[in-house]
Amino acid sequence: MWRFDSVSEKGYIVVQETDHKVTVPYDRSGLLS
C-alpha cells in the first residue's frame, strides 16, 4: 500500500497508533489535533 500524508503543521511526524493491542492504520491523534 502507499500512504500519502497531508500535514498542516510543517515537520509533523505521522504516528501509527495502537489501541488495545490493535494497530490503527491511520494517525488518529494527528487528525484530531
PDB file of all heavy atoms in Angstrom:
ATOM      1  N   MET A   1       0.860  -1.183   0.000  1.00  0.00           N
ATOM      2  CA  MET A   1       0.000   0.000   0.000  1.00  0.00           C
ATOM      3  C   MET A   1       0.892   1.227   0.000  1.00  0.00           C
ATOM      4  O   MET A   1       2.013   1.191   0.498  1.00  0.00           O
ATOM      5  CB  MET A   1      -0.902   0.041   1.237  1.00  0.00           C
ATOM      6  CG  MET A   1      -1.911  -1.064   1.314  1.00  0.00           C
ATOM      7  SD  MET A   1      -3.024  -0.830   2.714  1.00  0.00           S
ATOM      8  CE  MET A   1      -4.192   0.300   1.997  1.00  0.00           C
ATOM      9  N   TRP A   2       0.381   2.306  -0.572  1.00  0.00           N
ATOM     10  CA  TRP A   2       1.040   3.609  -0.477  1.00  0.00           C
ATOM     11  C   TRP A   2       0.193   4.481   0.428  1.00  0.00           C
ATOM     12  O   TRP A   2      -1.038   4.500   0.328  1.00  0.00           O
ATOM     13  CB  TRP A   2       1.160   4.265  -1.836  1.00  0.00           C
ATOM     14  CG  TRP A   2       2.182   3.658  -2.737  1.00  0.00           C
ATOM     15  CD1 TRP A   2       3.016   2.614  -2.481  1.00  0.00           C
ATOM     16  CD2 TRP A   2       2.464   4.074  -4.068  1.00  0.00           C
ATOM     17  NE1 TRP A   2       3.806   2.351  -3.573  1.00  0.00           N
ATOM     18  CE2 TRP A   2       3.484   3.240  -4.570  1.00  0.00           C
ATOM     19  CE3 TRP A   2       1.955   5.061  -4.898  1.00  0.00           C
ATOM     20  CZ2 TRP A   2       4.005   3.380  -5.841  1.00  0.00           C
ATOM     21  CZ3 TRP A   2       2.472   5.195  -6.170  1.00  0.00           C
ATOM     22  CH2 TRP A   2       3.494   4.361  -6.637  1.00  0.00           C
ATOM     23  N   ARG A   3       0.865   5.228   1.317  1.00  0.00           N
ATOM     24  CA  ARG A   3       0.183   6.165   2.198  1.00  0.00           C
ATOM     25  C   ARG A   3       0.668   7.570   1.888  1.00  0.00           C
ATOM     26  O   ARG A   3       1.863   7.856   1.953  1.00  0.00           O
ATOM     27  CB  ARG A   3       0.476   5.828   3.660  1.00  0.00           C
ATOM     28  CG  ARG A   3      -0.345   6.666   4.643  1.00  0.00           C
ATOM     29  CD  ARG A   3       0.117   6.479   6.058  1.00  0.00           C
ATOM     30  NE  ARG A   3       1.375   7.215   6.244  1.00  0.00           N
ATOM     31  CZ  ARG A   3       2.370   6.821   7.024  1.00  0.00           C
ATOM     32  NH1 ARG A   3       2.297   5.698   7.691  1.00  0.00           N
ATOM     33  NH2 ARG A   3       3.460   7.548   7.136  1.00  0.00           N
ATOM     34  N   PHE A   4      -0.270   8.437   1.542  1.00  0.00           N
ATOM     35  CA  PHE A   4       0.021   9.852   1.319  1.00  0.00           C
ATOM     36  C   PHE A   4      -0.495  10.614   2.533  1.00  0.00           C
ATOM     37  O   PHE A   4      -1.678  10.533   2.860  1.00  0.00           O
ATOM     38  CB  PHE A   4      -0.679  10.371   0.056  1.00  0.00           C
ATOM     39  CG  PHE A   4      -0.124   9.823  -1.229  1.00  0.00           C
ATOM     40  CD1 PHE A   4      -0.544   8.596  -1.718  1.00  0.00           C
ATOM     41  CD2 PHE A   4       0.817  10.540  -1.947  1.00  0.00           C
ATOM     42  CE1 PHE A   4      -0.041   8.094  -2.909  1.00  0.00           C
ATOM     43  CE2 PHE A   4       1.320  10.047  -3.148  1.00  0.00           C
ATOM     44  CZ  PHE A   4       0.890   8.814  -3.621  1.00  0.00           C
ATOM     45  N   ASP A   5       0.384  11.350   3.209  1.00  0.00           N
ATOM     46  CA  ASP A   5       0.024  12.124   4.388  1.00  0.00           C
ATOM     47  C   ASP A   5      -0.078  13.592   4.019  1.00  0.00           C
ATOM     48  O   ASP A   5       0.855  14.157   3.466  1.00  0.00           O
ATOM     49  CB  ASP A   5       1.072  11.960   5.479  1.00  0.00           C
ATOM     50  CG  ASP A   5       1.278  10.518   5.880  1.00  0.00           C
ATOM     51  OD1 ASP A   5       0.291   9.795   6.059  1.00  0.00           O
ATOM     52  OD2 ASP A   5       2.456  10.118   6.001  1.00  0.00           O
ATOM     53  N   SER A   6      -1.179  14.204   4.350  1.00  0.00           N
ATOM     54  CA  SER A   6      -1.366  15.627   4.122  1.00  0.00           C
ATOM     55  C   SER A   6      -1.308  16.332   5.470  1.00  0.00           C
ATOM     56  O   SER A   6      -2.248  16.264   6.255  1.00  0.00           O
ATOM     57  CB  SER A   6      -2.716  15.869   3.444  1.00  0.00           C
ATOM     58  OG  SER A   6      -2.920  17.239   3.256  1.00  0.00           O
ATOM     59  N   VAL A   7      -0.168  16.968   5.732  1.00  0.00           N
ATOM     60  CA  VAL A   7       0.039  17.603   7.033  1.00  0.00           C
ATOM     61  C   VAL A   7      -0.222  19.102   6.956  1.00  0.00           C
ATOM     62  O   VAL A   7      -0.008  19.730   5.929  1.00  0.00           O
ATOM     63  CB  VAL A   7       1.461  17.343   7.578  1.00  0.00           C
ATOM     64  CG1 VAL A   7       1.681  15.871   7.832  1.00  0.00           C
ATOM     65  CG2 VAL A   7       2.515  17.872   6.643  1.00  0.00           C
ATOM     66  N   SER A   8      -0.703  19.664   8.058  1.00  0.00           N
ATOM     67  CA  SER A   8      -0.929  21.102   8.118  1.00  0.00           C
ATOM     68  C   SER A   8       0.160  21.798   8.921  1.00  0.00           C
ATOM     69  O   SER A   8       0.308  23.004   8.844  1.00  0.00           O
ATOM     70  CB  SER A   8      -2.297  21.405   8.728  1.00  0.00           C
ATOM     71  OG  SER A   8      -2.369  20.898  10.033  1.00  0.00           O
ATOM     72  N   GLU A   9       0.910  21.034   9.688  1.00  0.00           N
ATOM     73  CA  GLU A   9       1.990  21.591  10.504  1.00  0.00           C
ATOM     74  C   GLU A   9       3.320  21.087   9.967  1.00  0.00           C
ATOM     75  O   GLU A   9       3.602  19.890   9.998  1.00  0.00           O
ATOM     76  CB  GLU A   9       1.810  21.162  11.961  1.00  0.00           C
ATOM     77  CG  GLU A   9       2.822  21.773  12.894  1.00  0.00           C
ATOM     78  CD  GLU A   9       2.545  21.380  14.337  1.00  0.00           C
ATOM     79  OE1 GLU A   9       1.514  21.819  14.872  1.00  0.00           O
ATOM     80  OE2 GLU A   9       3.373  20.635  14.908  1.00  0.00           O
ATOM     81  N   LYS A  10       4.131  22.016   9.477  1.00  0.00           N
ATOM     82  CA  LYS A  10       5.420  21.636   8.904  1.00  0.00           C
ATOM     83  C   LYS A  10       6.256  20.880   9.938  1.00  0.00           C
ATOM     84  O   LYS A  10       6.337  21.259  11.091  1.00  0.00           O
ATOM     85  CB  LYS A  10       6.164  22.889   8.441  1.00  0.00           C
ATOM     86  CG  LYS A  10       7.394  22.584   7.642  1.00  0.00           C
ATOM     87  CD  LYS A  10       7.998  23.834   7.069  1.00  0.00           C
ATOM     88  CE  LYS A  10       9.170  23.436   6.193  1.00  0.00           C
ATOM     89  NZ  LYS A  10       9.608  24.512   5.350  1.00  0.00           N
ATOM     90  N   GLY A  11       6.846  19.777   9.498  1.00  0.00           N
ATOM     91  CA  GLY A  11       7.684  18.988  10.373  1.00  0.00           C
ATOM     92  C   GLY A  11       6.938  17.944  11.195  1.00  0.00           C
ATOM     93  O   GLY A  11       7.559  17.191  11.942  1.00  0.00           O
ATOM     94  N   TYR A  12       5.607  17.920  11.062  1.00  0.00           N
ATOM     95  CA  TYR A  12       4.841  16.934  11.830  1.00  0.00           C
ATOM     96  C   TYR A  12       5.195  15.518  11.369  1.00  0.00           C
ATOM     97  O   TYR A  12       5.286  15.253  10.184  1.00  0.00           O
ATOM     98  CB  TYR A  12       3.331  17.161  11.685  1.00  0.00           C
ATOM     99  CG  TYR A  12       2.526  16.109  12.417  1.00  0.00           C
ATOM    100  CD1 TYR A  12       2.460  16.111  13.800  1.00  0.00           C
ATOM    101  CD2 TYR A  12       1.870  15.094  11.723  1.00  0.00           C
ATOM    102  CE1 TYR A  12       1.753  15.130  14.490  1.00  0.00           C
ATOM    103  CE2 TYR A  12       1.158  14.120  12.398  1.00  0.00           C
ATOM    104  CZ  TYR A  12       1.102  14.142  13.782  1.00  0.00           C
ATOM    105  OH  TYR A  12       0.404  13.169  14.452  1.00  0.00           O
ATOM    106  N   ILE A  13       5.412  14.630  12.326  1.00  0.00           N
ATOM    107  CA  ILE A  13       5.747  13.236  12.017  1.00  0.00           C
ATOM    108  C   ILE A  13       4.523  12.368  12.286  1.00  0.00           C
ATOM    109  O   ILE A  13       3.975  12.381  13.392  1.00  0.00           O
ATOM    110  CB  ILE A  13       6.933  12.757  12.872  1.00  0.00           C
ATOM    111  CG1 ILE A  13       8.071  13.710  12.650  1.00  0.00           C
ATOM    112  CG2 ILE A  13       7.224  11.294  12.595  1.00  0.00           C
ATOM    113  CD1 ILE A  13       9.418  13.199  12.499  1.00  0.00           C
ATOM    114  N   VAL A  14       4.093  11.642  11.274  1.00  0.00           N
ATOM    115  CA  VAL A  14       2.922  10.780  11.375  1.00  0.00           C
ATOM    116  C   VAL A  14       3.233   9.591  12.273  1.00  0.00           C
ATOM    117  O   VAL A  14       4.304   9.001  12.197  1.00  0.00           O
ATOM    118  CB  VAL A  14       2.498  10.306   9.969  1.00  0.00           C
ATOM    119  CG1 VAL A  14       1.419   9.244  10.045  1.00  0.00           C
ATOM    120  CG2 VAL A  14       2.033  11.495   9.145  1.00  0.00           C
ATOM    121  N   VAL A  15       2.268   9.251  13.126  1.00  0.00           N
ATOM    122  CA  VAL A  15       2.433   8.160  14.082  1.00  0.00           C
ATOM    123  C   VAL A  15       1.338   7.128  13.842  1.00  0.00           C
ATOM    124  O   VAL A  15       0.157   7.472  13.799  1.00  0.00           O
ATOM    125  CB  VAL A  15       2.325   8.686  15.536  1.00  0.00           C
ATOM    126  CG1 VAL A  15       2.448   7.552  16.533  1.00  0.00           C
ATOM    127  CG2 VAL A  15       3.352   9.757  15.792  1.00  0.00           C
ATOM    128  N   GLN A  16       1.732   5.879  13.689  1.00  0.00           N
ATOM    129  CA  GLN A  16       0.753   4.804  13.617  1.00  0.00           C
ATOM    130  C   GLN A  16       0.478   4.364  15.045  1.00  0.00           C
ATOM    131  O   GLN A  16       1.400   4.074  15.798  1.00  0.00           O
ATOM    132  CB  GLN A  16       1.284   3.643  12.786  1.00  0.00           C
ATOM    133  CG  GLN A  16       0.241   2.599  12.494  1.00  0.00           C
ATOM    134  CD  GLN A  16       0.738   1.541  11.528  1.00  0.00           C
ATOM    135  OE1 GLN A  16       1.919   1.459  11.236  1.00  0.00           O
ATOM    136  NE2 GLN A  16      -0.164   0.728  11.043  1.00  0.00           N
ATOM    137  N   GLU A  17      -0.766   4.349  15.441  1.00  0.00           N
ATOM    138  CA  GLU A  17      -1.118   4.114  16.835  1.00  0.00           C
ATOM    139  C   GLU A  17      -1.583   2.689  17.085  1.00  0.00           C
ATOM    140  O   GLU A  17      -2.001   1.987  16.178  1.00  0.00           O
ATOM    141  CB  GLU A  17      -2.241   5.078  17.229  1.00  0.00           C
ATOM    142  CG  GLU A  17      -1.827   6.531  17.071  1.00  0.00           C
ATOM    143  CD  GLU A  17      -2.949   7.482  17.425  1.00  0.00           C
ATOM    144  OE1 GLU A  17      -3.831   7.117  18.204  1.00  0.00           O
ATOM    145  OE2 GLU A  17      -2.919   8.598  16.916  1.00  0.00           O
ATOM    146  N   THR A  18      -1.503   2.291  18.343  1.00  0.00           N
ATOM    147  CA  THR A  18      -2.082   1.014  18.755  1.00  0.00           C
ATOM    148  C   THR A  18      -3.141   1.301  19.810  1.00  0.00           C
ATOM    149  O   THR A  18      -3.003   2.215  20.617  1.00  0.00           O
ATOM    150  CB  THR A  18      -1.016   0.067  19.328  1.00  0.00           C
ATOM    151  OG1 THR A  18      -0.352   0.714  20.409  1.00  0.00           O
ATOM    152  CG2 THR A  18      -0.012  -0.338  18.279  1.00  0.00           C
ATOM    153  N   ASP A  19      -4.201   0.533  19.756  1.00  0.00           N
ATOM    154  CA  ASP A  19      -5.304   0.709  20.691  1.00  0.00           C
ATOM    155  C   ASP A  19      -5.735  -0.675  21.170  1.00  0.00           C
ATOM    156  O   ASP A  19      -6.317  -1.440  20.399  1.00  0.00           O
ATOM    157  CB  ASP A  19      -6.458   1.435  19.984  1.00  0.00           C
ATOM    158  CG  ASP A  19      -7.633   1.697  20.898  1.00  0.00           C
ATOM    159  OD1 ASP A  19      -7.451   1.652  22.134  1.00  0.00           O
ATOM    160  OD2 ASP A  19      -8.737   1.937  20.375  1.00  0.00           O
ATOM    161  N   HIS A  20      -5.411  -1.024  22.392  1.00  0.00           N
ATOM    162  CA  HIS A  20      -5.745  -2.331  22.965  1.00  0.00           C
ATOM    163  C   HIS A  20      -5.229  -3.473  22.084  1.00  0.00           C
ATOM    164  O   HIS A  20      -5.983  -4.338  21.646  1.00  0.00           O
ATOM    165  CB  HIS A  20      -7.244  -2.471  23.181  1.00  0.00           C
ATOM    166  CG  HIS A  20      -7.823  -1.394  24.042  1.00  0.00           C
ATOM    167  ND1 HIS A  20      -7.371  -1.110  25.308  1.00  0.00           N
ATOM    168  CD2 HIS A  20      -8.806  -0.497  23.796  1.00  0.00           C
ATOM    169  CE1 HIS A  20      -8.053  -0.110  25.810  1.00  0.00           C
ATOM    170  NE2 HIS A  20      -8.936   0.279  24.917  1.00  0.00           N
ATOM    171  N   LYS A  21      -3.962  -3.421  21.791  1.00  0.00           N
ATOM    172  CA  LYS A  21      -3.276  -4.448  21.021  1.00  0.00           C
ATOM    173  C   LYS A  21      -3.705  -4.515  19.547  1.00  0.00           C
ATOM    174  O   LYS A  21      -3.389  -5.456  18.849  1.00  0.00           O
ATOM    175  CB  LYS A  21      -3.434  -5.820  21.675  1.00  0.00           C
ATOM    176  CG  LYS A  21      -2.840  -5.887  23.066  1.00  0.00           C
ATOM    177  CD  LYS A  21      -2.997  -7.251  23.648  1.00  0.00           C
ATOM    178  CE  LYS A  21      -2.469  -7.255  25.078  1.00  0.00           C
ATOM    179  NZ  LYS A  21      -2.631  -8.522  25.733  1.00  0.00           N
ATOM    180  N   VAL A  22      -4.443  -3.523  19.088  1.00  0.00           N
ATOM    181  CA  VAL A  22      -4.837  -3.466  17.675  1.00  0.00           C
ATOM    182  C   VAL A  22      -4.155  -2.247  17.058  1.00  0.00           C
ATOM    183  O   VAL A  22      -4.243  -1.146  17.596  1.00  0.00           O
ATOM    184  CB  VAL A  22      -6.374  -3.331  17.529  1.00  0.00           C
ATOM    185  CG1 VAL A  22      -6.760  -3.146  16.072  1.00  0.00           C
ATOM    186  CG2 VAL A  22      -7.066  -4.535  18.125  1.00  0.00           C
ATOM    187  N   THR A  23      -3.462  -2.452  15.956  1.00  0.00           N
ATOM    188  CA  THR A  23      -2.811  -1.335  15.291  1.00  0.00           C
ATOM    189  C   THR A  23      -3.827  -0.594  14.432  1.00  0.00           C
ATOM    190  O   THR A  23      -4.562  -1.207  13.660  1.00  0.00           O
ATOM    191  CB  THR A  23      -1.651  -1.837  14.407  1.00  0.00           C
ATOM    192  OG1 THR A  23      -0.729  -2.528  15.245  1.00  0.00           O
ATOM    193  CG2 THR A  23      -0.948  -0.679  13.724  1.00  0.00           C
ATOM    194  N   VAL A  24      -3.890   0.697  14.613  1.00  0.00           N
ATOM    195  CA  VAL A  24      -4.772   1.540  13.826  1.00  0.00           C
ATOM    196  C   VAL A  24      -3.965   2.045  12.637  1.00  0.00           C
ATOM    197  O   VAL A  24      -2.891   2.608  12.836  1.00  0.00           O
ATOM    198  CB  VAL A  24      -5.289   2.728  14.685  1.00  0.00           C
ATOM    199  CG1 VAL A  24      -6.196   3.623  13.886  1.00  0.00           C
ATOM    200  CG2 VAL A  24      -5.992   2.216  15.936  1.00  0.00           C
ATOM    201  N   PRO A  25      -4.432   1.853  11.413  1.00  0.00           N
ATOM    202  CA  PRO A  25      -3.612   2.194  10.254  1.00  0.00           C
ATOM    203  C   PRO A  25      -3.416   3.688  10.017  1.00  0.00           C
ATOM    204  O   PRO A  25      -2.498   4.095   9.339  1.00  0.00           O
ATOM    205  CB  PRO A  25      -4.373   1.562   9.085  1.00  0.00           C
ATOM    206  CG  PRO A  25      -5.783   1.483   9.559  1.00  0.00           C
ATOM    207  CD  PRO A  25      -5.704   1.265  11.041  1.00  0.00           C
ATOM    208  N   TYR A  26      -4.252   4.505  10.594  1.00  0.00           N
ATOM    209  CA  TYR A  26      -4.162   5.951  10.384  1.00  0.00           C
ATOM    210  C   TYR A  26      -3.695   6.638  11.664  1.00  0.00           C
ATOM    211  O   TYR A  26      -3.719   6.057  12.747  1.00  0.00           O
ATOM    212  CB  TYR A  26      -5.507   6.516   9.923  1.00  0.00           C
ATOM    213  CG  TYR A  26      -6.618   6.311  10.928  1.00  0.00           C
ATOM    214  CD1 TYR A  26      -6.930   7.298  11.852  1.00  0.00           C
ATOM    215  CD2 TYR A  26      -7.345   5.128  10.966  1.00  0.00           C
ATOM    216  CE1 TYR A  26      -7.929   7.109  12.786  1.00  0.00           C
ATOM    217  CE2 TYR A  26      -8.351   4.936  11.895  1.00  0.00           C
ATOM    218  CZ  TYR A  26      -8.639   5.922  12.805  1.00  0.00           C
ATOM    219  OH  TYR A  26      -9.617   5.741  13.737  1.00  0.00           O
ATOM    220  N   ASP A  27      -3.282   7.900  11.530  1.00  0.00           N
ATOM    221  CA  ASP A  27      -2.799   8.681  12.665  1.00  0.00           C
ATOM    222  C   ASP A  27      -3.974   9.434  13.289  1.00  0.00           C
ATOM    223  O   ASP A  27      -4.273  10.559  12.917  1.00  0.00           O
ATOM    224  CB  ASP A  27      -1.705   9.644  12.187  1.00  0.00           C
ATOM    225  CG  ASP A  27      -1.088  10.461  13.302  1.00  0.00           C
ATOM    226  OD1 ASP A  27      -1.610  10.442  14.441  1.00  0.00           O
ATOM    227  OD2 ASP A  27      -0.094  11.135  13.025  1.00  0.00           O
ATOM    228  N   ARG A  28      -4.647   8.787  14.221  1.00  0.00           N
ATOM    229  CA  ARG A  28      -5.842   9.345  14.848  1.00  0.00           C
ATOM    230  C   ARG A  28      -5.547  10.656  15.576  1.00  0.00           C
ATOM    231  O   ARG A  28      -6.250  11.648  15.417  1.00  0.00           O
ATOM    232  CB  ARG A  28      -6.432   8.319  15.811  1.00  0.00           C
ATOM    233  CG  ARG A  28      -7.655   8.819  16.525  1.00  0.00           C
ATOM    234  CD  ARG A  28      -8.290   7.828  17.470  1.00  0.00           C
ATOM    235  NE  ARG A  28      -7.361   6.862  18.014  1.00  0.00           N
ATOM    236  CZ  ARG A  28      -7.634   5.575  18.169  1.00  0.00           C
ATOM    237  NH1 ARG A  28      -8.791   5.106  17.819  1.00  0.00           N
ATOM    238  NH2 ARG A  28      -6.746   4.758  18.696  1.00  0.00           N
ATOM    239  N   SER A  29      -4.493  10.685  16.385  1.00  0.00           N
ATOM    240  CA  SER A  29      -4.204  11.901  17.154  1.00  0.00           C
ATOM    241  C   SER A  29      -3.799  13.052  16.241  1.00  0.00           C
ATOM    242  O   SER A  29      -4.134  14.205  16.503  1.00  0.00           O
ATOM    243  CB  SER A  29      -3.135  11.633  18.212  1.00  0.00           C
ATOM    244  OG  SER A  29      -1.921  11.247  17.609  1.00  0.00           O
ATOM    245  N   GLY A  30      -3.095  12.764  15.152  1.00  0.00           N
ATOM    246  CA  GLY A  30      -2.728  13.808  14.198  1.00  0.00           C
ATOM    247  C   GLY A  30      -3.940  14.418  13.529  1.00  0.00           C
ATOM    248  O   GLY A  30      -4.033  15.638  13.353  1.00  0.00           O
ATOM    249  N   LEU A  31      -4.903  13.572  13.155  1.00  0.00           N
ATOM    250  CA  LEU A  31      -6.135  14.070  12.548  1.00  0.00           C
ATOM    251  C   LEU A  31      -6.944  14.897  13.546  1.00  0.00           C
ATOM    252  O   LEU A  31      -7.400  16.001  13.235  1.00  0.00           O
ATOM    253  CB  LEU A  31      -6.981  12.908  12.023  1.00  0.00           C
ATOM    254  CG  LEU A  31      -6.458  12.207  10.776  1.00  0.00           C
ATOM    255  CD1 LEU A  31      -7.193  10.889  10.554  1.00  0.00           C
ATOM    256  CD2 LEU A  31      -6.586  13.098   9.551  1.00  0.00           C
ATOM    257  N   LEU A  32      -7.121  14.372  14.755  1.00  0.00           N
ATOM    258  CA  LEU A  32      -7.933  15.065  15.751  1.00  0.00           C
ATOM    259  C   LEU A  32      -7.311  16.378  16.208  1.00  0.00           C
ATOM    260  O   LEU A  32      -8.022  17.324  16.545  1.00  0.00           O
ATOM    261  CB  LEU A  32      -8.198  14.145  16.945  1.00  0.00           C
ATOM    262  CG  LEU A  32      -9.121  12.954  16.658  1.00  0.00           C
ATOM    263  CD1 LEU A  32      -9.157  12.000  17.852  1.00  0.00           C
ATOM    264  CD2 LEU A  32     -10.523  13.428  16.287  1.00  0.00           C
ATOM    265  N   SER A  33      -5.982  16.450  16.218  1.00  0.00           N
ATOM    266  CA  SER A  33      -5.306  17.680  16.643  1.00  0.00           C
ATOM    267  C   SER A  33      -5.249  18.728  15.537  1.00  0.00           C
ATOM    268  O   SER A  33      -4.933  19.879  15.785  1.00  0.00           O
ATOM    269  CB  SER A  33      -3.878  17.370  17.097  1.00  0.00           C
ATOM    270  OG  SER A  33      -3.076  17.006  15.980  1.00  0.00           O
TER     271      SER A  33
END
